[in-house]
C-alpha atoms as a PDB file:
ATOM      1  CA  MET A   1    -164.933 105.171 -56.044  1.00  0.00           C
ATOM      2  CA  THR A   2    -168.603 104.813 -55.156  1.00  0.00           C
ATOM      3  CA  ASP A   3    -171.175 106.986 -56.891  1.00  0.00           C
ATOM      4  CA  GLY A   4    -174.389 108.164 -55.297  1.00  0.00           C
ATOM      5  CA  VAL A   5    -177.410 106.103 -54.397  1.00  0.00           C
ATOM      6  CA  VAL A   6    -180.302 105.944 -56.875  1.00  0.00           C
ATOM      7  CA  SER A   7    -183.806 104.518 -56.931  1.00  0.00           C
ATOM      8  CA  ILE A   8    -184.058 101.745 -59.508  1.00  0.00           C
ATOM      9  CA  ALA A   9    -187.615 100.556 -58.857  1.00  0.00           C
ATOM     10  CA  ARG A  10    -190.800 101.800 -57.203  1.00  0.00           C
ATOM     11  CA  THR A  11    -193.914 100.034 -55.985  1.00  0.00           C
ATOM     12  CA  THR A  12    -196.713 100.469 -53.464  1.00  0.00           C
ATOM     13  CA  ASN A  13    -196.349  96.872 -52.277  1.00  0.00           C
ATOM     14  CA  VAL A  14    -193.872  96.333 -49.430  1.00  0.00           C
ATOM     15  CA  VAL A  15    -193.713  92.589 -50.134  1.00  0.00           C
ATOM     16  CA  VAL A  16    -192.730  93.191 -53.757  1.00  0.00           C
ATOM     17  CA  ALA A  17    -190.115  95.766 -52.739  1.00  0.00           C
ATOM     18  CA  SER A  18    -188.634  93.339 -50.222  1.00  0.00           C
ATOM     19  CA  MET A  19    -188.607  90.550 -52.803  1.00  0.00           C
ATOM     20  CA  TRP A  20    -186.780  92.803 -55.283  1.00  0.00           C
ATOM     21  CA  ARG A  21    -184.243  93.707 -52.602  1.00  0.00           C
ATOM     22  CA  GLU A  22    -183.606  90.036 -51.828  1.00  0.00           C
ATOM     23  CA  ILE A  23    -183.073  89.273 -55.529  1.00  0.00           C
ATOM     24  CA  LEU A  24    -180.493  92.042 -55.751  1.00  0.00           C
ATOM     25  CA  VAL A  25    -178.694  91.055 -52.557  1.00  0.00           C
ATOM     26  CA  ALA A  26    -178.599  87.411 -53.709  1.00  0.00           C
ATOM     27  CA  ASN A  27    -176.845  88.645 -56.852  1.00  0.00           C
ATOM     28  CA  GLY A  28    -174.226  90.638 -54.967  1.00  0.00           C
ATOM     29  CA  ILE A  29    -175.836  94.077 -55.211  1.00  0.00           C
ATOM     30  CA  ARG A  30    -176.234  96.060 -52.014  1.00  0.00           C
ATOM     31  CA  ALA A  31    -179.813  97.333 -51.925  1.00  0.00           C
ATOM     32  CA  GLU A  32    -182.088  99.106 -49.487  1.00  0.00           C
ATOM     33  CA  VAL A  33    -185.835  99.680 -49.401  1.00  0.00           C
ATOM     34  CA  GLY A  34    -187.310 102.999 -48.337  1.00  0.00           C
ATOM     35  CA  GLY A  35    -190.598 104.816 -48.578  1.00  0.00           C
ATOM     36  CA  THR A  36    -192.727 107.659 -47.382  1.00  0.00           C
ATOM     37  CA  ALA A  37    -195.443 107.083 -44.800  1.00  0.00           C
ATOM     38  CA  THR A  38    -198.562 108.971 -45.838  1.00  0.00           C
ATOM     39  CA  ALA A  39    -201.365 107.548 -43.732  1.00  0.00           C
ATOM     40  CA  THR A  40    -202.118 105.179 -40.915  1.00  0.00           C
ATOM     41  CA  SER A  41    -204.048 101.980 -41.377  1.00  0.00           C
ATOM     42  CA  VAL A  42    -207.197 101.927 -39.248  1.00  0.00           C
ATOM     43  CA  TYR A  43    -206.923  98.151 -38.901  1.00  0.00           C
ATOM     44  CA  ALA A  44    -203.329  97.654 -37.836  1.00  0.00           C
ATOM     45  CA  MET A  45    -202.356 101.188 -36.767  1.00  0.00           C
ATOM     46  CA  MET A  46    -199.293 100.827 -38.971  1.00  0.00           C
ATOM     47  CA  PRO A  47    -198.061 103.337 -41.529  1.00  0.00           C
ATOM     48  CA  MET A  48    -199.207 102.797 -45.086  1.00  0.00           C
ATOM     49  CA  LEU A  49    -196.673 103.702 -47.741  1.00  0.00           C
ATOM     50  CA  SER A  50    -197.622 105.544 -50.876  1.00  0.00           C
ATOM     51  CA  GLN A  51    -194.416 104.643 -52.627  1.00  0.00           C
ATOM     52  CA  ILE A  52    -191.612 102.296 -51.795  1.00  0.00           C
ATOM     53  CA  ASP A  53    -188.301 102.638 -53.594  1.00  0.00           C
ATOM     54  CA  VAL A  54    -185.470 100.167 -53.979  1.00  0.00           C
ATOM     55  CA  PHE A  55    -182.134 101.968 -53.796  1.00  0.00           C
ATOM     56  CA  VAL A  56    -178.741 100.810 -55.054  1.00  0.00           C
ATOM     57  CA  PHE A  57    -175.410 102.448 -55.715  1.00  0.00           C
ATOM     58  CA  GLU A  58    -175.420 104.210 -59.071  1.00  0.00           C
ATOM     59  CA  GLU A  59    -172.666 101.936 -60.390  1.00  0.00           C
ATOM     60  CA  ASP A  60    -174.978  98.918 -59.864  1.00  0.00           C
ATOM     61  CA  ALA A  61    -178.150 100.527 -61.228  1.00  0.00           C
ATOM     62  CA  ASP A  62    -178.169  99.071 -64.750  1.00  0.00           C
ATOM     63  CA  ARG A  63    -177.510  95.520 -63.579  1.00  0.00           C
ATOM     64  CA  ALA A  64    -180.072  95.884 -60.770  1.00  0.00           C
ATOM     65  CA  ARG A  65    -182.769  97.055 -63.205  1.00  0.00           C
ATOM     66  CA  GLU A  66    -182.015  94.109 -65.491  1.00  0.00           C
ATOM     67  CA  LEU A  67    -182.317  91.631 -62.612  1.00  0.00           C
ATOM     68  CA  ILE A  68    -185.664  93.071 -61.501  1.00  0.00           C
ATOM     69  CA  GLU A  69    -186.998  93.118 -65.069  1.00  0.00           C
ATOM     70  CA  GLN A  70    -185.919  89.495 -65.500  1.00  0.00           C
ATOM     71  CA  ALA A  71    -187.620  88.512 -62.238  1.00  0.00           C
ATOM     72  CA  GLU A  72    -190.823  90.279 -63.295  1.00  0.00           C
ATOM     73  CA  ARG A  73    -190.823  88.513 -66.684  1.00  0.00           C
ATOM     74  CA  GLU A  74    -190.327  85.139 -64.988  1.00  0.00           C
ATOM     75  CA  ALA A  75    -193.132  85.870 -62.500  1.00  0.00           C
ATOM     76  CA  ALA A  76    -195.490  86.886 -65.320  1.00  0.00           C
ATOM     77  CA  ARG A  77    -194.648  83.716 -67.241  1.00  0.00           C
ATOM     78  CA  GLU A  78    -195.275  81.573 -64.155  1.00  0.00           C
ATOM     79  CA  ASP A  79    -198.580  83.366 -63.522  1.00  0.00           C
ATOM     80  CA  GLY A  80    -199.607  82.655 -67.113  1.00  0.00           C
ATOM     81  CA  GLU A  81    -198.724  78.976 -66.786  1.00  0.00           C
ATOM     82  CA  THR A  82    -200.680  78.756 -63.526  1.00  0.00           C
ATOM     83  CA  ALA A  83    -203.705  80.422 -65.109  1.00  0.00           C
ATOM     84  CA  ARG A  84    -203.659  78.054 -68.090  1.00  0.00           C
ATOM     85  CA  GLY A  85    -203.373  75.033 -65.808  1.00  0.00           C
ATOM     86  CA  SER A  86    -206.166  76.088 -63.451  1.00  0.00           C
ATOM     87  CA  GLY A  87    -208.972  75.354 -65.882  1.00  0.00           C
ATOM     88  CA  ASP A  88    -208.162  71.710 -66.585  1.00  0.00           C
ATOM     89  CA  GLY A  89    -210.426  70.295 -63.893  1.00  0.00           C
ATOM     90  CA  GLY A  90    -207.807  68.917 -61.629  1.00  0.00           C
END
């Protein structure tokens, strides 16, 4: 039996939300991205989202949160390694 759908992560960055969704899908978790349009960009005339949620079935929520947290830790570690390497002159 499938439980309801829950939001397991929220961001204001559509690229990040899409990346999280792809991580979940790659790990066998059905996920969708949704948000609320609150304004229109003057430059592109496209909706700007104030919040973007990643939704999964409730039964997958714990595992999905763990996968996103793991991905964020790995990204932070890689950013730190890049920052340390950028000052070596070449």
